[in-house]
PDB file of all heavy atoms in Angstrom:
ATOM      1  N   SER A   1       0.489  27.942   7.483  1.00  0.00           N
ATOM      2  CA  SER A   1       1.626  28.230   6.616  1.00  0.00           C
ATOM      3  C   SER A   1       2.333  26.918   6.283  1.00  0.00           C
ATOM      4  O   SER A   1       2.868  26.779   5.178  1.00  0.00           O
ATOM      5  CB  SER A   1       2.652  29.146   7.247  1.00  0.00           C
ATOM      6  OG  SER A   1       3.171  28.532   8.483  1.00  0.00           O
ATOM      7  N   ARG A   2       2.361  25.871   7.195  1.00  0.00           N
ATOM      8  CA  ARG A   2       3.029  24.644   6.817  1.00  0.00           C
ATOM      9  C   ARG A   2       2.330  23.478   7.509  1.00  0.00           C
ATOM     10  O   ARG A   2       2.906  22.764   8.354  1.00  0.00           O
ATOM     11  CB  ARG A   2       4.517  24.721   7.262  1.00  0.00           C
ATOM     12  CG  ARG A   2       4.857  25.258   8.684  1.00  0.00           C
ATOM     13  CD  ARG A   2       6.289  25.372   8.878  1.00  0.00           C
ATOM     14  NE  ARG A   2       6.636  25.733  10.173  1.00  0.00           N
ATOM     15  CZ  ARG A   2       6.628  27.023  10.607  1.00  0.00           C
ATOM     16  NH1 ARG A   2       6.284  28.034   9.751  1.00  0.00           N
ATOM     17  NH2 ARG A   2       6.952  27.375  11.878  1.00  0.00           N
ATOM     18  N   PRO A   3       1.122  23.140   7.138  1.00  0.00           N
ATOM     19  CA  PRO A   3       0.409  21.922   7.552  1.00  0.00           C
ATOM     20  C   PRO A   3       1.237  20.782   7.198  1.00  0.00           C
ATOM     21  O   PRO A   3       1.772  20.678   6.091  1.00  0.00           O
ATOM     22  CB  PRO A   3      -0.935  22.013   6.798  1.00  0.00           C
ATOM     23  CG  PRO A   3      -0.601  22.804   5.655  1.00  0.00           C
ATOM     24  CD  PRO A   3       0.385  23.906   5.992  1.00  0.00           C
ATOM     25  N   THR A   4       1.268  19.852   7.971  1.00  0.00           N
ATOM     26  CA  THR A   4       2.174  18.697   7.917  1.00  0.00           C
ATOM     27  C   THR A   4       1.491  17.283   7.769  1.00  0.00           C
ATOM     28  O   THR A   4       1.818  16.466   6.899  1.00  0.00           O
ATOM     29  CB  THR A   4       3.159  18.508   9.073  1.00  0.00           C
ATOM     30  OG1 THR A   4       3.980  19.754   9.136  1.00  0.00           O
ATOM     31  CG2 THR A   4       4.210  17.411   8.861  1.00  0.00           C
ATOM     32  N   HIS A   5       0.389  17.069   8.560  1.00  0.00           N
ATOM     33  CA  HIS A   5      -0.281  15.829   8.538  1.00  0.00           C
ATOM     34  C   HIS A   5      -1.134  15.822   7.110  1.00  0.00           C
ATOM     35  O   HIS A   5      -1.656  16.850   6.789  1.00  0.00           O
ATOM     36  CB  HIS A   5      -1.208  15.677   9.675  1.00  0.00           C
ATOM     37  CG  HIS A   5      -1.776  14.224   9.826  1.00  0.00           C
ATOM     38  ND1 HIS A   5      -2.789  13.717   9.021  1.00  0.00           N
ATOM     39  CD2 HIS A   5      -1.292  13.217  10.643  1.00  0.00           C
ATOM     40  CE1 HIS A   5      -3.095  12.520   9.377  1.00  0.00           C
ATOM     41  NE2 HIS A   5      -2.210  12.110  10.367  1.00  0.00           N
ATOM     42  N   PRO A   6      -1.088  14.652   6.474  1.00  0.00           N
ATOM     43  CA  PRO A   6      -1.886  14.551   5.169  1.00  0.00           C
ATOM     44  C   PRO A   6      -3.335  15.005   5.359  1.00  0.00           C
ATOM     45  O   PRO A   6      -3.919  15.578   4.441  1.00  0.00           O
ATOM     46  CB  PRO A   6      -1.779  13.123   4.745  1.00  0.00           C
ATOM     47  CG  PRO A   6      -0.527  12.612   5.458  1.00  0.00           C
ATOM     48  CD  PRO A   6      -0.436  13.450   6.705  1.00  0.00           C
ATOM     49  N   TYR A   7      -3.923  14.693   6.498  1.00  0.00           N
ATOM     50  CA  TYR A   7      -5.412  15.107   6.639  1.00  0.00           C
ATOM     51  C   TYR A   7      -5.472  16.606   6.805  1.00  0.00           C
ATOM     52  O   TYR A   7      -6.441  17.226   6.230  1.00  0.00           O
ATOM     53  CB  TYR A   7      -5.940  14.510   7.973  1.00  0.00           C
ATOM     54  CG  TYR A   7      -7.355  14.827   8.308  1.00  0.00           C
ATOM     55  CD1 TYR A   7      -8.342  14.566   7.342  1.00  0.00           C
ATOM     56  CD2 TYR A   7      -7.669  15.550   9.405  1.00  0.00           C
ATOM     57  CE1 TYR A   7      -9.620  14.953   7.658  1.00  0.00           C
ATOM     58  CE2 TYR A   7      -8.992  15.920   9.714  1.00  0.00           C
ATOM     59  CZ  TYR A   7      -9.996  15.619   8.811  1.00  0.00           C
ATOM     60  OH  TYR A   7     -11.249  16.004   9.082  1.00  0.00           O
ATOM     61  N   THR A   8      -4.598  17.199   7.603  1.00  0.00           N
ATOM     62  CA  THR A   8      -4.623  18.681   7.649  1.00  0.00           C
ATOM     63  C   THR A   8      -4.358  19.307   6.300  1.00  0.00           C
ATOM     64  O   THR A   8      -5.089  20.316   5.933  1.00  0.00           O
ATOM     65  CB  THR A   8      -3.532  19.185   8.671  1.00  0.00           C
ATOM     66  OG1 THR A   8      -3.625  18.517   9.855  1.00  0.00           O
ATOM     67  CG2 THR A   8      -3.656  20.734   8.977  1.00  0.00           C
ATOM     68  N   ILE A   9      -3.477  18.860   5.588  1.00  0.00           N
ATOM     69  CA  ILE A   9      -3.272  19.298   4.205  1.00  0.00           C
ATOM     70  C   ILE A   9      -4.479  19.140   3.354  1.00  0.00           C
ATOM     71  O   ILE A   9      -4.831  20.053   2.597  1.00  0.00           O
ATOM     72  CB  ILE A   9      -1.948  18.656   3.503  1.00  0.00           C
ATOM     73  CG1 ILE A   9      -0.804  18.972   4.314  1.00  0.00           C
ATOM     74  CG2 ILE A   9      -1.882  18.959   2.052  1.00  0.00           C
ATOM     75  CD1 ILE A   9       0.413  18.103   3.974  1.00  0.00           C
ATOM     76  N   GLY A  10      -5.087  18.114   3.469  1.00  0.00           N
ATOM     77  CA  GLY A  10      -6.432  17.739   2.742  1.00  0.00           C
ATOM     78  C   GLY A  10      -7.461  18.818   3.153  1.00  0.00           C
ATOM     79  O   GLY A  10      -8.172  19.331   2.182  1.00  0.00           O
ATOM     80  N   LEU A  11      -7.583  19.144   4.386  1.00  0.00           N
ATOM     81  CA  LEU A  11      -8.514  20.150   4.773  1.00  0.00           C
ATOM     82  C   LEU A  11      -8.244  21.450   4.263  1.00  0.00           C
ATOM     83  O   LEU A  11      -9.104  22.179   3.802  1.00  0.00           O
ATOM     84  CB  LEU A  11      -8.542  20.327   6.350  1.00  0.00           C
ATOM     85  CG  LEU A  11      -9.183  19.088   7.124  1.00  0.00           C
ATOM     86  CD1 LEU A  11      -9.031  19.382   8.624  1.00  0.00           C
ATOM     87  CD2 LEU A  11     -10.679  18.892   6.739  1.00  0.00           C
ATOM     88  N   MET A  12      -6.983  21.891   4.179  1.00  0.00           N
ATOM     89  CA  MET A  12      -6.582  23.216   3.740  1.00  0.00           C
ATOM     90  C   MET A  12      -6.842  23.284   2.189  1.00  0.00           C
ATOM     91  O   MET A  12      -7.353  24.272   1.695  1.00  0.00           O
ATOM     92  CB  MET A  12      -5.034  23.409   3.907  1.00  0.00           C
ATOM     93  CG  MET A  12      -4.633  23.496   5.401  1.00  0.00           C
ATOM     94  SD  MET A  12      -5.372  24.811   6.210  1.00  0.00           S
ATOM     95  CE  MET A  12      -4.876  24.610   7.824  1.00  0.00           C
ATOM     96  N   ASN A  13      -6.640  22.156   1.469  1.00  0.00           N
ATOM     97  CA  ASN A  13      -6.825  22.160   0.056  1.00  0.00           C
ATOM     98  C   ASN A  13      -8.325  22.174  -0.300  1.00  0.00           C
ATOM     99  O   ASN A  13      -8.607  22.503  -1.567  1.00  0.00           O
ATOM    100  CB  ASN A  13      -6.061  20.982  -0.616  1.00  0.00           C
ATOM    101  CG  ASN A  13      -4.601  21.157  -0.534  1.00  0.00           C
ATOM    102  OD1 ASN A  13      -4.032  22.229  -0.390  1.00  0.00           O
ATOM    103  ND2 ASN A  13      -3.769  20.096  -0.720  1.00  0.00           N
ATOM    104  N   SER A  14      -9.129  21.734   0.551  1.00  0.00           N
ATOM    105  CA  SER A  14     -10.565  21.631   0.306  1.00  0.00           C
ATOM    106  C   SER A  14     -11.194  22.936   0.412  1.00  0.00           C
ATOM    107  O   SER A  14     -12.417  23.111   0.162  1.00  0.00           O
ATOM    108  CB  SER A  14     -11.197  20.564   1.095  1.00  0.00           C
ATOM    109  OG  SER A  14     -11.241  20.919   2.575  1.00  0.00           O
ATOM    110  N   VAL A  15     -10.619  24.029   0.998  1.00  0.00           N
ATOM    111  CA  VAL A  15     -11.103  25.304   1.101  1.00  0.00           C
ATOM    112  C   VAL A  15     -11.219  25.925  -0.276  1.00  0.00           C
ATOM    113  O   VAL A  15     -10.315  25.969  -1.037  1.00  0.00           O
ATOM    114  CB  VAL A  15     -10.319  26.205   2.081  1.00  0.00           C
ATOM    115  CG1 VAL A  15     -10.847  27.583   2.164  1.00  0.00           C
ATOM    116  CG2 VAL A  15     -10.208  25.578   3.450  1.00  0.00           C
ATOM    117  N   PRO A  16     -12.364  26.577  -0.653  1.00  0.00           N
ATOM    118  CA  PRO A  16     -12.419  27.215  -1.905  1.00  0.00           C
ATOM    119  C   PRO A  16     -11.301  28.173  -2.222  1.00  0.00           C
ATOM    120  O   PRO A  16     -11.096  29.091  -1.402  1.00  0.00           O
ATOM    121  CB  PRO A  16     -13.813  27.933  -1.786  1.00  0.00           C
ATOM    122  CG  PRO A  16     -14.562  27.060  -0.883  1.00  0.00           C
ATOM    123  CD  PRO A  16     -13.630  26.629   0.230  1.00  0.00           C
ATOM    124  N   GLY A  17     -10.722  28.069  -3.349  1.00  0.00           N
ATOM    125  CA  GLY A  17      -9.596  28.964  -3.766  1.00  0.00           C
ATOM    126  C   GLY A  17      -8.246  28.685  -3.125  1.00  0.00           C
ATOM    127  O   GLY A  17      -7.229  29.336  -3.432  1.00  0.00           O
ATOM    128  N   ALA A  18      -8.183  27.606  -2.281  1.00  0.00           N
ATOM    129  CA  ALA A  18      -6.950  27.358  -1.593  1.00  0.00           C
ATOM    130  C   ALA A  18      -5.828  26.903  -2.558  1.00  0.00           C
ATOM    131  O   ALA A  18      -4.636  27.262  -2.276  1.00  0.00           O
ATOM    132  CB  ALA A  18      -7.132  26.219  -0.546  1.00  0.00           C
ATOM    133  N   THR A  19      -6.127  26.196  -3.546  1.00  0.00           N
ATOM    134  CA  THR A  19      -5.153  25.708  -4.505  1.00  0.00           C
ATOM    135  C   THR A  19      -5.038  26.562  -5.758  1.00  0.00           C
ATOM    136  O   THR A  19      -4.422  26.116  -6.744  1.00  0.00           O
ATOM    137  CB  THR A  19      -5.407  24.199  -4.888  1.00  0.00           C
ATOM    138  OG1 THR A  19      -6.643  24.122  -5.439  1.00  0.00           O
ATOM    139  CG2 THR A  19      -5.237  23.327  -3.587  1.00  0.00           C
ATOM    140  N   GLY A  20      -5.798  27.672  -5.788  1.00  0.00           N
ATOM    141  CA  GLY A  20      -5.694  28.476  -6.945  1.00  0.00           C
ATOM    142  C   GLY A  20      -6.713  28.106  -7.985  1.00  0.00           C
ATOM    143  O   GLY A  20      -6.874  28.739  -9.016  1.00  0.00           O
ATOM    144  N   LYS A  21      -7.397  26.878  -7.841  1.00  0.00           N
ATOM    145  CA  LYS A  21      -8.271  26.525  -8.789  1.00  0.00           C
ATOM    146  C   LYS A  21      -9.724  27.053  -8.570  1.00  0.00           C
ATOM    147  O   LYS A  21     -10.117  27.194  -7.443  1.00  0.00           O
ATOM    148  CB  LYS A  21      -8.397  24.893  -8.758  1.00  0.00           C
ATOM    149  CG  LYS A  21      -7.127  24.256  -9.071  1.00  0.00           C
ATOM    150  CD  LYS A  21      -7.343  22.707  -8.902  1.00  0.00           C
ATOM    151  CE  LYS A  21      -6.023  21.980  -9.206  1.00  0.00           C
ATOM    152  NZ  LYS A  21      -6.152  20.497  -8.962  1.00  0.00           N
ATOM    153  N   LYS A  22     -10.446  27.358  -9.576  1.00  0.00           N
ATOM    154  CA  LYS A  22     -11.734  27.966  -9.476  1.00  0.00           C
ATOM    155  C   LYS A  22     -12.770  27.105  -9.972  1.00  0.00           C
ATOM    156  O   LYS A  22     -14.024  27.428  -9.778  1.00  0.00           O
ATOM    157  CB  LYS A  22     -11.813  29.364 -10.188  1.00  0.00           C
ATOM    158  CG  LYS A  22     -10.823  30.374  -9.525  1.00  0.00           C
ATOM    159  CD  LYS A  22     -11.039  31.762 -10.301  1.00  0.00           C
ATOM    160  CE  LYS A  22     -10.055  32.841  -9.528  1.00  0.00           C
ATOM    161  NZ  LYS A  22     -10.229  34.007 -10.249  1.00  0.00           N
ATOM    162  N   ASP A  23     -12.473  26.049 -10.803  1.00  0.00           N
ATOM    163  CA  ASP A  23     -13.478  25.195 -11.406  1.00  0.00           C
ATOM    164  C   ASP A  23     -14.004  24.138 -10.537  1.00  0.00           C
ATOM    165  O   ASP A  23     -15.181  23.780 -10.584  1.00  0.00           O
ATOM    166  CB  ASP A  23     -12.953  24.661 -12.752  1.00  0.00           C
ATOM    167  CG  ASP A  23     -11.630  23.882 -12.545  1.00  0.00           C
ATOM    168  OD1 ASP A  23     -10.991  24.174 -11.514  1.00  0.00           O
ATOM    169  OD2 ASP A  23     -11.255  23.178 -13.503  1.00  0.00           O
ATOM    170  N   ARG A  24     -13.153  23.572  -9.683  1.00  0.00           N
ATOM    171  CA  ARG A  24     -13.597  22.489  -8.752  1.00  0.00           C
ATOM    172  C   ARG A  24     -12.785  22.505  -7.487  1.00  0.00           C
ATOM    173  O   ARG A  24     -11.631  22.907  -7.461  1.00  0.00           O
ATOM    174  CB  ARG A  24     -13.534  21.190  -9.537  1.00  0.00           C
ATOM    175  CG  ARG A  24     -12.110  20.692  -9.913  1.00  0.00           C
ATOM    176  CD  ARG A  24     -12.273  19.372 -10.550  1.00  0.00           C
ATOM    177  NE  ARG A  24     -12.665  18.339  -9.733  1.00  0.00           N
ATOM    178  CZ  ARG A  24     -12.877  17.059 -10.042  1.00  0.00           C
ATOM    179  NH1 ARG A  24     -12.743  16.700 -11.281  1.00  0.00           N
ATOM    180  NH2 ARG A  24     -13.387  16.177  -9.178  1.00  0.00           N
ATOM    181  N   LEU A  25     -13.357  21.890  -6.406  1.00  0.00           N
ATOM    182  CA  LEU A  25     -12.602  21.743  -5.182  1.00  0.00           C
ATOM    183  C   LEU A  25     -11.802  20.458  -5.024  1.00  0.00           C
ATOM    184  O   LEU A  25     -12.212  19.488  -5.647  1.00  0.00           O
ATOM    185  CB  LEU A  25     -13.741  21.802  -3.983  1.00  0.00           C
ATOM    186  CG  LEU A  25     -14.520  23.109  -3.771  1.00  0.00           C
ATOM    187  CD1 LEU A  25     -15.555  22.860  -2.659  1.00  0.00           C
ATOM    188  CD2 LEU A  25     -13.650  24.330  -3.568  1.00  0.00           C
ATOM    189  N   ASP A  26     -10.770  20.584  -4.403  1.00  0.00           N
ATOM    190  CA  ASP A  26     -10.049  19.309  -4.042  1.00  0.00           C
ATOM    191  C   ASP A  26     -10.776  18.648  -2.949  1.00  0.00           C
ATOM    192  O   ASP A  26     -11.136  19.354  -1.950  1.00  0.00           O
ATOM    193  CB  ASP A  26      -8.554  19.712  -3.596  1.00  0.00           C
ATOM    194  CG  ASP A  26      -7.709  19.988  -4.893  1.00  0.00           C
ATOM    195  OD1 ASP A  26      -8.230  19.775  -5.911  1.00  0.00           O
ATOM    196  OD2 ASP A  26      -6.524  20.361  -4.606  1.00  0.00           O
ATOM    197  N   ALA A  27     -10.976  17.349  -2.993  1.00  0.00           N
ATOM    198  CA  ALA A  27     -11.694  16.623  -2.032  1.00  0.00           C
ATOM    199  C   ALA A  27     -10.710  15.520  -1.424  1.00  0.00           C
ATOM    200  O   ALA A  27      -9.951  14.957  -2.182  1.00  0.00           O
ATOM    201  CB  ALA A  27     -12.978  16.007  -2.480  1.00  0.00           C
ATOM    202  N   ILE A  28     -10.906  15.240  -0.143  1.00  0.00           N
ATOM    203  CA  ILE A  28     -10.149  14.084   0.402  1.00  0.00           C
ATOM    204  C   ILE A  28     -10.859  12.759  -0.071  1.00  0.00           C
ATOM    205  O   ILE A  28     -12.040  12.669   0.229  1.00  0.00           O
ATOM    206  CB  ILE A  28     -10.188  14.095   2.001  1.00  0.00           C
ATOM    207  CG1 ILE A  28      -9.472  15.438   2.440  1.00  0.00           C
ATOM    208  CG2 ILE A  28      -9.449  13.000   2.515  1.00  0.00           C
ATOM    209  CD1 ILE A  28      -9.590  15.674   3.906  1.00  0.00           C
ATOM    210  N   PRO A  29     -10.155  11.919  -0.620  1.00  0.00           N
ATOM    211  CA  PRO A  29     -10.834  10.633  -1.147  1.00  0.00           C
ATOM    212  C   PRO A  29     -11.323   9.751  -0.091  1.00  0.00           C
ATOM    213  O   PRO A  29     -10.832   9.814   1.198  1.00  0.00           O
ATOM    214  CB  PRO A  29      -9.719   9.910  -1.931  1.00  0.00           C
ATOM    215  CG  PRO A  29      -8.403  10.491  -1.290  1.00  0.00           C
ATOM    216  CD  PRO A  29      -8.675  11.954  -0.947  1.00  0.00           C
ATOM    217  N   GLY A  30     -12.224   8.946  -0.388  1.00  0.00           N
ATOM    218  CA  GLY A  30     -12.818   7.933   0.623  1.00  0.00           C
ATOM    219  C   GLY A  30     -13.707   8.502   1.571  1.00  0.00           C
ATOM    220  O   GLY A  30     -14.134   9.726   1.564  1.00  0.00           O
ATOM    221  N   ILE A  31     -14.063   7.730   2.634  1.00  0.00           N
ATOM    222  CA  ILE A  31     -14.971   8.136   3.729  1.00  0.00           C
ATOM    223  C   ILE A  31     -14.248   7.902   5.077  1.00  0.00           C
ATOM    224  O   ILE A  31     -13.321   7.011   5.185  1.00  0.00           O
ATOM    225  CB  ILE A  31     -16.275   7.366   3.535  1.00  0.00           C
ATOM    226  CG1 ILE A  31     -16.130   5.964   3.702  1.00  0.00           C
ATOM    227  CG2 ILE A  31     -16.984   7.897   2.352  1.00  0.00           C
ATOM    228  CD1 ILE A  31     -17.517   5.173   3.809  1.00  0.00           C
ATOM    229  N   VAL A  32     -14.854   8.502   6.060  1.00  0.00           N
ATOM    230  CA  VAL A  32     -14.337   8.251   7.417  1.00  0.00           C
ATOM    231  C   VAL A  32     -14.647   6.767   7.884  1.00  0.00           C
ATOM    232  O   VAL A  32     -15.820   6.339   7.707  1.00  0.00           O
ATOM    233  CB  VAL A  32     -14.944   9.210   8.411  1.00  0.00           C
ATOM    234  CG1 VAL A  32     -14.486   8.953   9.802  1.00  0.00           C
ATOM    235  CG2 VAL A  32     -14.573  10.630   8.011  1.00  0.00           C
ATOM    236  N   PRO A  33     -13.684   6.000   8.376  1.00  0.00           N
ATOM    237  CA  PRO A  33     -14.016   4.664   8.794  1.00  0.00           C
ATOM    238  C   PRO A  33     -15.014   4.581   9.961  1.00  0.00           C
ATOM    239  O   PRO A  33     -15.119   5.583  10.708  1.00  0.00           O
ATOM    240  CB  PRO A  33     -12.585   4.120   9.152  1.00  0.00           C
ATOM    241  CG  PRO A  33     -11.815   5.287   9.440  1.00  0.00           C
ATOM    242  CD  PRO A  33     -12.330   6.374   8.602  1.00  0.00           C
ATOM    243  N   SER A  34     -15.643   3.495  10.090  1.00  0.00           N
ATOM    244  CA  SER A  34     -16.581   3.247  11.167  1.00  0.00           C
ATOM    245  C   SER A  34     -15.886   3.166  12.578  1.00  0.00           C
ATOM    246  O   SER A  34     -14.877   2.474  12.712  1.00  0.00           O
ATOM    247  CB  SER A  34     -17.399   1.872  10.949  1.00  0.00           C
ATOM    248  OG  SER A  34     -18.123   1.568  12.086  1.00  0.00           O
ATOM    249  N   PRO A  35     -16.282   3.903  13.564  1.00  0.00           N
ATOM    250  CA  PRO A  35     -15.845   3.886  14.890  1.00  0.00           C
ATOM    251  C   PRO A  35     -15.991   2.491  15.573  1.00  0.00           C
ATOM    252  O   PRO A  35     -15.296   2.301  16.634  1.00  0.00           O
ATOM    253  CB  PRO A  35     -16.462   4.928  15.655  1.00  0.00           C
ATOM    254  CG  PRO A  35     -17.768   5.226  14.942  1.00  0.00           C
ATOM    255  CD  PRO A  35     -17.480   4.958  13.455  1.00  0.00           C
ATOM    256  N   LEU A  36     -16.801   1.637  14.967  1.00  0.00           N
ATOM    257  CA  LEU A  36     -16.936   0.364  15.528  1.00  0.00           C
ATOM    258  C   LEU A  36     -15.719  -0.546  15.129  1.00  0.00           C
ATOM    259  O   LEU A  36     -15.348  -1.493  15.798  1.00  0.00           O
ATOM    260  CB  LEU A  36     -18.277  -0.314  14.987  1.00  0.00           C
ATOM    261  CG  LEU A  36     -19.554   0.036  15.586  1.00  0.00           C
ATOM    262  CD1 LEU A  36     -20.689  -0.443  14.754  1.00  0.00           C
ATOM    263  CD2 LEU A  36     -19.657  -0.453  17.063  1.00  0.00           C
ATOM    264  N   HIS A  37     -15.090  -0.210  13.937  1.00  0.00           N
ATOM    265  CA  HIS A  37     -13.980  -0.901  13.502  1.00  0.00           C
ATOM    266  C   HIS A  37     -12.912   0.027  12.975  1.00  0.00           C
ATOM    267  O   HIS A  37     -12.805   0.097  11.717  1.00  0.00           O
ATOM    268  CB  HIS A  37     -14.416  -1.958  12.499  1.00  0.00           C
ATOM    269  CG  HIS A  37     -15.531  -2.824  12.852  1.00  0.00           C
ATOM    270  ND1 HIS A  37     -15.396  -3.809  13.808  1.00  0.00           N
ATOM    271  CD2 HIS A  37     -16.935  -2.777  12.538  1.00  0.00           C
ATOM    272  CE1 HIS A  37     -16.654  -4.423  13.967  1.00  0.00           C
ATOM    273  NE2 HIS A  37     -17.515  -3.788  13.237  1.00  0.00           N
ATOM    274  N   TRP A  38     -12.215   0.710  13.816  1.00  0.00           N
ATOM    275  CA  TRP A  38     -11.114   1.511  13.333  1.00  0.00           C
ATOM    276  C   TRP A  38     -10.091   0.771  12.603  1.00  0.00           C
ATOM    277  O   TRP A  38      -9.758  -0.343  13.046  1.00  0.00           O
ATOM    278  CB  TRP A  38     -10.435   2.338  14.453  1.00  0.00           C
ATOM    279  CG  TRP A  38     -11.232   3.308  15.141  1.00  0.00           C
ATOM    280  CD1 TRP A  38     -11.479   3.446  16.437  1.00  0.00           C
ATOM    281  CD2 TRP A  38     -11.986   4.476  14.631  1.00  0.00           C
ATOM    282  NE1 TRP A  38     -12.372   4.520  16.846  1.00  0.00           N
ATOM    283  CE2 TRP A  38     -12.606   5.113  15.669  1.00  0.00           C
ATOM    284  CE3 TRP A  38     -12.178   4.948  13.286  1.00  0.00           C
ATOM    285  CZ2 TRP A  38     -13.441   6.313  15.509  1.00  0.00           C
ATOM    286  CZ3 TRP A  38     -13.008   6.050  13.103  1.00  0.00           C
ATOM    287  CH2 TRP A  38     -13.529   6.769  14.239  1.00  0.00           C
ATOM    288  N   PRO A  39      -9.473   1.308  11.547  1.00  0.00           N
ATOM    289  CA  PRO A  39      -8.325   0.488  10.931  1.00  0.00           C
ATOM    290  C   PRO A  39      -7.181   0.342  11.750  1.00  0.00           C
ATOM    291  O   PRO A  39      -6.926   1.123  12.646  1.00  0.00           O
ATOM    292  CB  PRO A  39      -7.931   1.497   9.690  1.00  0.00           C
ATOM    293  CG  PRO A  39      -9.109   2.367   9.505  1.00  0.00           C
ATOM    294  CD  PRO A  39      -9.742   2.622  10.938  1.00  0.00           C
ATOM    295  N   SER A  40      -6.414  -0.632  11.552  1.00  0.00           N
ATOM    296  CA  SER A  40      -5.162  -0.946  12.329  1.00  0.00           C
ATOM    297  C   SER A  40      -4.153   0.168  11.911  1.00  0.00           C
ATOM    298  O   SER A  40      -4.257   0.807  10.830  1.00  0.00           O
ATOM    299  CB  SER A  40      -4.582  -2.255  11.995  1.00  0.00           C
ATOM    300  OG  SER A  40      -4.239  -2.383  10.662  1.00  0.00           O
ATOM    301  N   GLY A  41      -3.203   0.474  12.769  1.00  0.00           N
ATOM    302  CA  GLY A  41      -2.191   1.493  12.487  1.00  0.00           C
ATOM    303  C   GLY A  41      -2.721   2.918  12.456  1.00  0.00           C
ATOM    304  O   GLY A  41      -3.596   3.305  13.267  1.00  0.00           O
ATOM    305  N   CYS A  42      -2.431   3.638  11.424  1.00  0.00           N
ATOM    306  CA  CYS A  42      -2.901   4.975  11.254  1.00  0.00           C
ATOM    307  C   CYS A  42      -4.353   4.948  10.718  1.00  0.00           C
ATOM    308  O   CYS A  42      -4.669   4.341   9.814  1.00  0.00           O
ATOM    309  CB  CYS A  42      -2.043   5.715  10.180  1.00  0.00           C
ATOM    310  SG  CYS A  42      -2.637   7.409   9.859  1.00  0.00           S
TER     311      CYS A  42
END
């Protein structure tokens, strides 16, 4: 009902029909960073 973290919101929006759109899915931009070199901070 109230996802708060941007990643959780992205997951919810990527579910078919979640945002009311039927023509295309919302996708989280970019790719998961390498676990050998996690980004600093978040």
